[in-house]
Amino acid sequence: MDVKSELNKIYTNRLLQSQEEIDVFEEALGNLIGLEDKSVITELCMVFDDDTEQYEIMFGLVHGIENLYKENMEEGLYLIAIAVPSVIDRAREWMEVLHYRILNHEQVRRIYGSVLSKLDDNSKEIIINLLRDIKSEDPDMFSNSVDEVLKAI
């Protein structure tokens, strides 16, 4: 299987506007996740788009990324973090979803703060602003979690 070709398929069909796009997307995503190669996480993050037609199917991408980083959280979370600045303008909602999930898991959250401290200043600032927005949108749910991550940076 050609990884670049599969990545291209999911990127090209990411808006999921027809059954054909959905079928191609799901098959290619399944192929990529099946490889169990976390090195594709950054490219998978580039697929997120807030204009997607099928929220439930795109959520499969979230689960796929989580599955890929579960064995090596630090590296996987780093690969997510370096993607955020490139994708946030067209997929802010999906970046929030990924970060909600990170913030909701204590072990993942602790590692993420450490990972963010290794980023360049621009990338770090973009993610810090995202985290602050999440905190202000739902302080009861995320205030403590966001603060924990920010203290670790």
Protein backbone atom coordinates (compact mmCIF):
# COMPACT_ATOMS: atom_id res chain seq x y z
CA MET A 1 0.00 0.00 0.00
CA ASP A 2 1.20 3.48 -0.89
CA VAL A 3 0.84 5.64 2.24
CA LYS A 4 1.04 8.92 0.31
CA SER A 5 -1.73 7.78 -2.01
CA GLU A 6 -3.96 6.83 0.92
CA LEU A 7 -3.26 10.16 2.65
CA ASN A 8 -4.13 11.95 -0.58
CA LYS A 9 -7.42 10.03 -0.80
CA ILE A 10 -8.57 11.04 2.66
CA TYR A 11 -7.46 14.65 2.16
CA THR A 12 -9.16 14.94 -1.24
CA ASN A 13 -12.41 13.44 0.10
CA ARG A 14 -12.39 15.14 3.52
CA LEU A 15 -15.56 17.16 2.95
CA LEU A 16 -17.52 13.92 2.62
CA GLN A 17 -20.11 15.41 0.28
CA SER A 18 -21.18 12.20 -1.45
CA GLN A 19 -21.42 8.52 -0.72
CA GLU A 20 -18.45 7.94 -3.01
CA GLU A 21 -16.31 10.41 -1.04
CA ILE A 22 -17.40 8.76 2.20
CA ASP A 23 -16.53 5.29 0.91
CA VAL A 24 -13.10 6.34 -0.38
CA PHE A 25 -12.37 8.26 2.83
CA GLU A 26 -13.35 5.40 5.15
CA GLU A 27 -11.42 2.79 3.18
CA ALA A 28 -8.24 4.88 3.00
CA LEU A 29 -8.47 5.86 6.67
CA GLY A 30 -8.92 2.22 7.65
CA ASN A 31 -5.87 1.29 5.60
CA LEU A 32 -3.75 3.98 7.25
CA ILE A 33 -4.85 3.24 10.81
CA GLY A 34 -4.32 -0.45 10.16
CA LEU A 35 -0.64 0.22 9.54
CA GLU A 36 -0.30 1.30 13.19
CA ASP A 37 2.33 3.85 12.13
CA LYS A 38 2.10 6.98 14.25
CA SER A 39 4.33 8.89 11.81
CA VAL A 40 1.21 9.74 9.76
CA ILE A 41 -0.50 11.60 12.62
CA THR A 42 0.53 15.08 11.44
CA GLU A 43 -0.72 14.37 7.91
CA LEU A 44 -3.95 12.93 9.32
CA CYS A 45 -4.51 16.15 11.27
CA MET A 46 -4.27 18.08 7.99
CA VAL A 47 -7.42 16.28 6.86
CA PHE A 48 -9.65 17.99 9.42
CA ASP A 49 -11.96 20.60 7.96
CA ASP A 50 -14.82 22.40 9.68
CA ASP A 51 -16.78 22.32 6.41
CA THR A 52 -17.09 18.54 6.40
CA GLU A 53 -20.56 17.22 5.69
CA GLN A 54 -20.39 14.14 7.93
CA TYR A 55 -19.46 14.83 11.53
CA GLU A 56 -19.81 11.20 12.63
CA ILE A 57 -17.52 9.88 9.93
CA MET A 58 -14.92 12.57 10.54
CA PHE A 59 -15.01 11.60 14.21
CA GLY A 60 -13.55 8.28 13.05
CA LEU A 61 -10.44 10.27 12.19
CA VAL A 62 -10.25 11.51 15.80
CA HIS A 63 -10.48 7.93 17.08
CA GLY A 64 -7.92 6.76 14.53
CA ILE A 65 -5.41 9.38 15.63
CA GLU A 66 -5.98 8.47 19.28
CA ASN A 67 -5.45 4.82 18.47
CA LEU A 68 -2.15 5.61 16.76
CA TYR A 69 -0.68 7.54 19.67
CA LYS A 70 -1.81 5.31 22.53
CA GLU A 71 1.43 3.29 22.53
CA ASN A 72 3.73 6.32 22.44
CA MET A 73 1.77 9.27 23.74
CA GLU A 74 4.61 11.76 23.85
CA GLU A 75 5.57 11.33 20.20
CA GLY A 76 1.95 11.11 19.05
CA LEU A 77 0.92 14.23 20.93
CA TYR A 78 3.93 16.07 19.53
CA LEU A 79 2.84 15.10 16.01
CA ILE A 80 -0.62 16.52 16.74
CA ALA A 81 0.79 19.71 18.25
CA ILE A 82 3.02 20.49 15.28
CA ALA A 83 0.01 20.16 12.96
CA VAL A 84 -2.21 22.61 14.83
CA PRO A 85 -0.78 25.87 13.41
CA SER A 86 -1.18 24.62 9.84
CA VAL A 87 -4.76 23.46 10.18
CA ILE A 88 -6.36 25.71 12.79
CA ASP A 89 -7.67 28.28 10.32
CA ARG A 90 -9.83 25.76 8.46
CA ALA A 91 -10.45 23.25 11.26
CA ARG A 92 -10.65 25.13 14.53
CA GLU A 93 -13.68 23.12 15.69
CA TRP A 94 -11.86 19.83 15.07
CA MET A 95 -8.76 21.09 16.86
CA GLU A 96 -11.00 21.89 19.80
CA VAL A 97 -12.46 18.37 19.68
CA LEU A 98 -8.97 16.84 19.72
CA HIS A 99 -8.00 19.06 22.61
CA TYR A 100 -11.19 18.33 24.58
CA ARG A 101 -10.26 14.69 24.39
CA ILE A 102 -6.66 15.38 25.45
CA LEU A 103 -7.86 17.53 28.35
CA ASN A 104 -10.31 14.86 29.53
CA HIS A 105 -7.60 12.26 30.16
CA GLU A 106 -5.27 12.91 33.05
CA GLN A 107 -2.31 10.91 31.75
CA VAL A 108 -2.58 12.35 28.25
CA ARG A 109 -3.01 15.88 29.62
CA ARG A 110 0.14 15.64 31.73
CA ILE A 111 2.22 14.47 28.80
CA TYR A 112 0.74 17.13 26.51
CA GLY A 113 1.97 19.98 28.71
CA SER A 114 5.47 18.59 28.51
CA VAL A 115 5.18 18.18 24.75
CA LEU A 116 4.03 21.77 24.28
CA SER A 117 7.08 23.08 26.11
CA LYS A 118 9.20 21.68 23.25
CA LEU A 119 7.43 23.62 20.49
CA ASP A 120 8.62 26.78 18.82
CA ASP A 121 7.16 29.99 20.27
CA ASN A 122 4.65 30.58 17.45
CA SER A 123 3.21 27.06 17.60
CA LYS A 124 3.11 27.18 21.37
CA GLU A 125 1.24 30.50 21.33
CA ILE A 126 -1.38 29.21 18.88
CA ILE A 127 -2.09 26.18 21.07
CA ILE A 128 -2.07 28.23 24.28
CA ASN A 129 -4.69 30.53 22.73
CA LEU A 130 -6.76 27.52 21.68
CA LEU A 131 -6.58 26.11 25.21
CA ARG A 132 -7.54 29.47 26.72
CA ASP A 133 -10.53 29.67 24.38
CA ILE A 134 -11.62 26.18 25.44
CA LYS A 135 -11.29 27.22 29.08
CA SER A 136 -13.34 30.39 28.58
CA GLU A 137 -16.05 28.56 26.60
CA ASP A 138 -16.59 25.98 29.35
CA PRO A 139 -14.74 26.94 32.53
CA ASP A 140 -16.60 24.46 34.73
CA MET A 141 -15.48 21.56 32.57
CA PHE A 142 -12.02 22.62 31.45
CA SER A 143 -10.60 25.30 33.74
CA ASN A 144 -8.52 22.96 35.91
CA SER A 145 -7.42 20.78 32.99
CA VAL A 146 -6.27 23.74 30.88
CA ASP A 147 -4.47 25.26 33.87
CA GLU A 148 -2.67 21.97 34.46
CA VAL A 149 -1.43 21.87 30.87
CA LEU A 150 -0.41 25.53 30.83
CA LYS A 151 1.58 25.15 34.07
CA ALA A 152 3.59 22.36 32.48
CA ILE A 153 4.67 24.49 29.53
